[in-house]
Protein backbone atom coordinates (compact mmCIF):
# COMPACT_ATOMS: atom_id res chain seq x y z
CA LEU A 1 -37.19 24.05 15.79
CA TYR A 2 -37.75 20.52 16.94
CA SER A 3 -38.16 18.69 20.22
CA ARG A 4 -38.29 14.94 20.76
CA LEU A 5 -41.55 13.32 21.83
CA ASN A 6 -42.25 9.59 21.96
CA GLY A 7 -39.87 8.78 19.13
CA GLY A 8 -41.19 11.47 16.78
CA LEU A 9 -40.52 15.10 16.03
CA LEU A 10 -42.78 17.84 17.31
CA THR A 11 -42.60 21.14 15.46
CA LYS A 12 -43.41 24.48 17.01
CA LYS A 13 -46.81 24.28 15.36
CA GLY A 14 -47.50 21.06 17.21
CA PHE A 15 -47.55 18.64 14.29
CA PHE A 16 -46.10 15.26 15.16
CA THR A 17 -44.04 13.71 12.33
CA MET A 18 -41.83 10.71 11.81
CA LYS A 19 -38.64 10.93 9.77
CA ASN A 20 -37.33 7.64 8.45
CA ILE A 21 -34.01 6.78 6.85
CA HIS A 22 -32.87 3.43 5.48
CA ILE A 23 -29.14 2.69 5.27
CA LEU A 24 -28.40 0.05 2.64
CA ASN A 25 -25.47 -2.23 1.95
CA GLY A 26 -24.27 -0.68 -1.29
CA GLN A 27 -25.59 0.31 -4.68
CA VAL A 28 -26.69 -3.15 -5.85
CA MET A 29 -29.21 -3.39 -3.01
CA SER A 30 -30.32 0.18 -3.63
CA ASN A 31 -30.91 -0.53 -7.32
CA HIS A 32 -32.91 -3.66 -6.48
CA PHE A 33 -35.11 -1.85 -3.98
CA LYS A 34 -35.78 0.95 -6.45
CA GLN A 35 -36.55 -1.46 -9.31
CA THR A 36 -39.00 -3.44 -7.18
CA GLY A 37 -40.59 -0.38 -5.60
CA PHE A 38 -39.59 -1.51 -2.13
CA LEU A 39 -39.42 1.34 0.42
CA LYS A 40 -40.95 3.58 -2.22
CA GLN A 41 -40.89 7.26 -1.26
CA GLU A 42 -38.67 6.47 1.73
CA THR A 43 -35.22 8.05 2.18
CA MET A 44 -32.62 5.45 1.19
CA ILE A 45 -28.84 5.93 1.37
CA THR A 46 -25.94 3.55 0.79
CA PHE A 47 -22.97 2.75 2.99
CA ASN A 48 -20.16 2.43 0.44
CA GLU A 49 -17.24 1.25 2.53
CA ALA A 50 -15.31 -1.91 3.37
CA MET A 51 -14.39 -1.46 7.00
CA CYS A 52 -13.14 -5.01 7.46
CA PHE A 53 -9.67 -4.23 6.08
CA GLY A 54 -7.13 -1.44 6.09
CA SER A 55 -6.11 1.26 8.55
CA ILE A 56 -8.91 2.80 10.58
CA SER A 57 -9.29 5.88 12.78
CA GLY A 58 -11.27 5.90 16.00
CA ASP A 59 -12.88 9.22 15.08
CA ILE A 60 -15.39 8.03 12.48
CA PHE A 61 -15.67 10.24 9.38
CA SER A 62 -13.17 12.76 10.75
CA ASP A 63 -10.52 14.26 8.46
CA GLU A 64 -8.05 11.70 9.79
CA PHE A 65 -10.50 8.86 9.11
CA ILE A 66 -11.19 10.09 5.57
CA ALA A 67 -7.48 10.43 4.75
CA MET A 68 -6.73 6.94 6.07
CA ARG A 69 -9.61 5.28 4.26
CA ALA A 70 -8.89 7.06 0.96
CA LYS A 71 -5.35 5.71 1.16
CA VAL A 72 -6.63 2.20 1.91
CA HIS A 73 -8.86 2.27 -1.17
CA ASN A 74 -6.18 3.97 -3.29
CA VAL A 75 -8.44 6.89 -4.22
CA THR A 76 -8.15 10.65 -3.84
CA LEU A 77 -9.92 12.51 -1.05
CA THR A 78 -12.35 13.89 -3.63
CA GLN A 79 -13.10 10.41 -4.94
CA TYR A 80 -13.66 9.11 -1.41
CA GLU A 81 -16.02 11.99 -0.75
CA ASP A 82 -17.99 11.24 -3.91
CA ILE A 83 -18.17 7.50 -3.32
CA THR A 84 -18.63 7.24 0.44
CA LEU A 85 -19.49 10.58 2.03
CA LYS A 86 -21.96 12.14 -0.40
CA PRO A 87 -24.47 9.26 -0.19
CA LEU A 88 -24.42 9.64 3.61
CA GLN A 89 -25.14 13.38 3.67
CA PRO A 90 -28.81 13.01 4.69
CA LEU A 91 -27.69 11.06 7.75
CA PHE A 92 -25.07 13.68 8.61
CA ASN A 93 -27.29 16.71 8.09
CA GLU A 94 -30.70 15.72 9.46
CA GLU A 95 -32.24 14.17 12.54
CA PHE A 96 -34.25 11.01 11.99
CA THR A 97 -36.65 9.34 14.39
CA HIS A 98 -36.39 5.96 12.68
CA VAL A 99 -33.14 4.48 11.35
CA ALA A 100 -33.28 1.11 9.56
CA LEU A 101 -30.20 -0.82 8.47
CA TRP A 102 -30.35 -3.32 5.58
CA PHE A 103 -27.27 -5.54 5.34
CA ASP A 104 -26.18 -9.08 4.53
CA ALA A 105 -25.18 -11.62 7.17
CA ASP A 106 -21.49 -11.91 6.20
CA MET A 107 -18.47 -10.53 8.04
CA PHE A 108 -17.94 -7.70 5.53
CA CYS A 109 -21.42 -6.32 6.26
CA GLN A 110 -21.29 -6.93 10.00
CA ILE A 111 -18.20 -4.74 10.37
CA ASN A 112 -19.92 -2.04 8.32
CA ILE A 113 -22.93 -2.39 10.63
CA LEU A 114 -20.71 -2.02 13.68
CA THR A 115 -19.22 1.16 12.21
CA THR A 116 -22.67 2.60 11.50
CA LEU A 117 -23.94 1.77 14.99
CA ALA A 118 -20.77 3.24 16.50
CA TRP A 119 -21.27 6.52 14.63
CA LEU A 120 -24.92 6.70 15.76
CA ASP A 121 -23.81 5.97 19.33
CA HIS A 122 -21.12 8.63 19.17
CA LYS A 123 -23.71 11.14 17.90
CA ASN A 124 -26.01 10.20 20.79
CA HIS A 125 -28.83 8.85 18.62
CA GLN A 126 -31.71 8.26 21.06
CA HIS A 127 -34.26 6.33 19.01
CA PRO A 128 -34.53 2.56 18.43
CA ILE A 129 -32.66 1.22 15.41
CA GLU A 130 -34.06 -1.47 13.15
CA LEU A 131 -31.48 -3.97 11.84
CA ASN A 132 -32.63 -6.08 8.91
CA ILE A 133 -30.47 -8.98 7.71
CA VAL A 134 -31.18 -10.08 4.15
CA GLY A 135 -30.14 -13.00 1.96
CA ASP A 136 -28.63 -13.31 -1.51
CA GLN A 137 -31.92 -12.38 -3.16
CA PHE A 138 -32.55 -9.57 -0.66
CA GLU A 139 -35.10 -11.67 1.20
CA MET A 140 -35.53 -10.97 4.92
CA LEU A 141 -33.64 -13.44 7.12
CA GLU A 142 -33.55 -11.81 10.55
CA LYS A 143 -34.74 -8.62 12.21
CA TYR A 144 -33.52 -6.91 15.37
CA THR A 145 -34.36 -3.80 17.32
CA LEU A 146 -31.30 -2.14 18.84
CA GLU A 147 -30.29 0.91 20.80
CA ALA A 148 -27.15 2.89 19.91
CA LYS A 149 -25.50 2.32 23.25
CA GLY A 150 -22.03 0.84 23.74
CA TYR A 151 -21.28 0.36 20.04
CA TYR A 152 -18.71 3.15 19.85
CA ALA A 153 -16.70 1.46 22.59
CA LEU A 154 -17.07 -1.87 20.77
CA TYR A 155 -15.91 -0.25 17.52
CA LYS A 156 -12.72 1.01 19.14
CA GLN A 157 -12.09 -2.28 20.92
CA VAL A 158 -12.60 -4.38 17.78
CA LEU A 159 -11.34 -2.22 14.90
CA ILE A 160 -8.67 -0.18 16.67
CA ASP A 161 -7.42 -2.38 19.52
CA LYS A 162 -8.16 -5.67 17.70
CA THR A 163 -9.33 -7.34 20.91
CA THR A 164 -12.35 -9.58 21.48
CA PRO A 165 -15.17 -8.05 23.55
CA HIS A 166 -16.69 -10.12 26.35
CA HIS A 167 -20.19 -9.56 25.02
CA ILE A 168 -21.66 -8.50 21.67
CA GLU A 169 -25.29 -8.28 20.63
CA PRO A 170 -26.90 -9.32 18.39
CA SER A 171 -25.37 -12.76 17.87
CA ILE A 172 -24.95 -12.26 14.12
CA LEU A 173 -22.73 -9.25 14.81
CA LYS A 174 -20.65 -11.36 17.18
CA LYS A 175 -20.10 -13.94 14.41
CA GLY A 176 -18.88 -11.22 12.08
CA VAL A 177 -16.54 -9.78 14.69
CA ASP A 178 -15.11 -13.22 15.48
CA ILE A 179 -14.24 -13.76 11.81
CA TYR A 180 -12.85 -10.25 11.43
CA LEU A 181 -10.47 -10.63 14.36
CA THR A 182 -9.06 -13.94 13.11
CA TYR A 183 -9.31 -14.16 9.31
CA LEU A 184 -5.83 -12.75 8.69
CA ASN A 185 -4.16 -15.04 11.25
CA GLN A 186 -1.77 -17.63 9.84
CA ASP A 187 -3.90 -20.48 11.19
CA SER A 188 -7.29 -19.12 10.10
CA ASP A 189 -9.46 -21.29 7.87
CA LEU A 190 -8.95 -18.86 4.99
CA MET A 191 -5.16 -18.71 5.22
CA VAL A 192 -4.87 -22.46 5.58
CA TYR A 193 -7.11 -22.91 2.53
CA ILE A 194 -4.96 -20.56 0.45
CA ARG A 195 -1.78 -22.43 1.43
CA GLU A 196 -3.32 -25.81 0.71
CA ASN A 197 -4.37 -24.66 -2.77
CA ARG A 198 -1.21 -22.80 -3.72
CA ASN A 199 -0.94 -24.85 -6.95
CA VAL A 200 -4.40 -23.85 -8.16
CA THR A 201 -4.54 -20.99 -10.66
CA GLN A 202 -5.30 -17.61 -9.13
CA LYS A 203 -8.58 -17.26 -11.02
CA LYS A 204 -9.82 -20.66 -9.91
CA LEU A 205 -8.62 -20.17 -6.35
CA VAL A 206 -10.53 -16.90 -6.04
CA THR A 207 -13.66 -18.62 -7.36
CA LEU A 208 -13.24 -21.45 -4.84
CA ILE A 209 -12.71 -19.04 -1.95
CA ILE A 210 -15.81 -17.01 -2.80
CA LYS A 211 -17.82 -20.26 -2.96
CA ASN A 212 -16.45 -21.79 0.25
CA PHE A 213 -16.18 -18.66 2.38
CA LYS A 214 -19.51 -16.95 1.74
CA ASN A 215 -19.72 -15.91 5.38
CA TYR A 216 -16.67 -13.66 4.82
CA GLY A 217 -18.29 -11.53 2.12
CA LEU A 218 -15.05 -10.23 0.61
CA GLY A 219 -14.71 -9.44 -3.09
CA ASP A 220 -12.40 -10.94 -5.68
CA ASN A 221 -9.93 -8.03 -5.62
CA ARG A 222 -9.43 -8.40 -1.87
CA TYR A 223 -8.87 -12.14 -2.21
CA ILE A 224 -6.35 -11.59 -5.00
CA LYS A 225 -4.37 -9.28 -2.71
CA LEU A 226 -4.47 -11.85 0.09
CA ILE A 227 -3.31 -14.62 -2.27
CA LYS A 228 -0.42 -12.53 -3.55
CA LYS A 229 0.63 -11.61 -0.02
CA LYS A 230 0.29 -15.15 1.29
CA ILE A 231 1.90 -17.23 -1.45
CA GLY A 232 3.52 -14.62 -3.66
CA ARG A 233 1.30 -15.38 -6.63
CA ALA A 234 1.90 -13.00 -9.54
């Protein structure tokens, strides 16, 4: 029914239309945008994942991928479908001429961005992609225009092979990848910090880590698991 023309969709009747979709970093951002009327009447969906930890499949959103990620998050397949897959159904089921990503600058979000770009690349998305980086109050910090080319190979190299690519664009994505590939190493800044503060209470240590490692973007539950694994804290 549709053919591509200059970044839009041309129906058989000859009407040229644009179809936009905005992929947001989670429900908090979505709620804020809705409350403020931002992107009103636009299609907004949320990417509810945490791709920066746990086992990962190279075949994004395949049955194998879903089973692995459900196990990582300790949820059932049905729960994973409800939380992660259902919000993404518009992206899976329709063709959009304009895809915009809205994410934070931290490592957590950058790995989610890489996963999203990799999926678009794998699905041969042909239109420019708008990447918007926002701050703590959802204010615009940086904006990029990207093409979904080469990101699936980067995804496999980074998340599956755990090796550092020679080149990554944009630079903010490179920063996130660099942290991702090293943050669990024994000599990483995070692991050294946890060891040096082993006598601090778990609650206070988590608070300190969140304050001092904002560019990581991990949540308190993830830090608690890392503390327990690293220093055996009960």
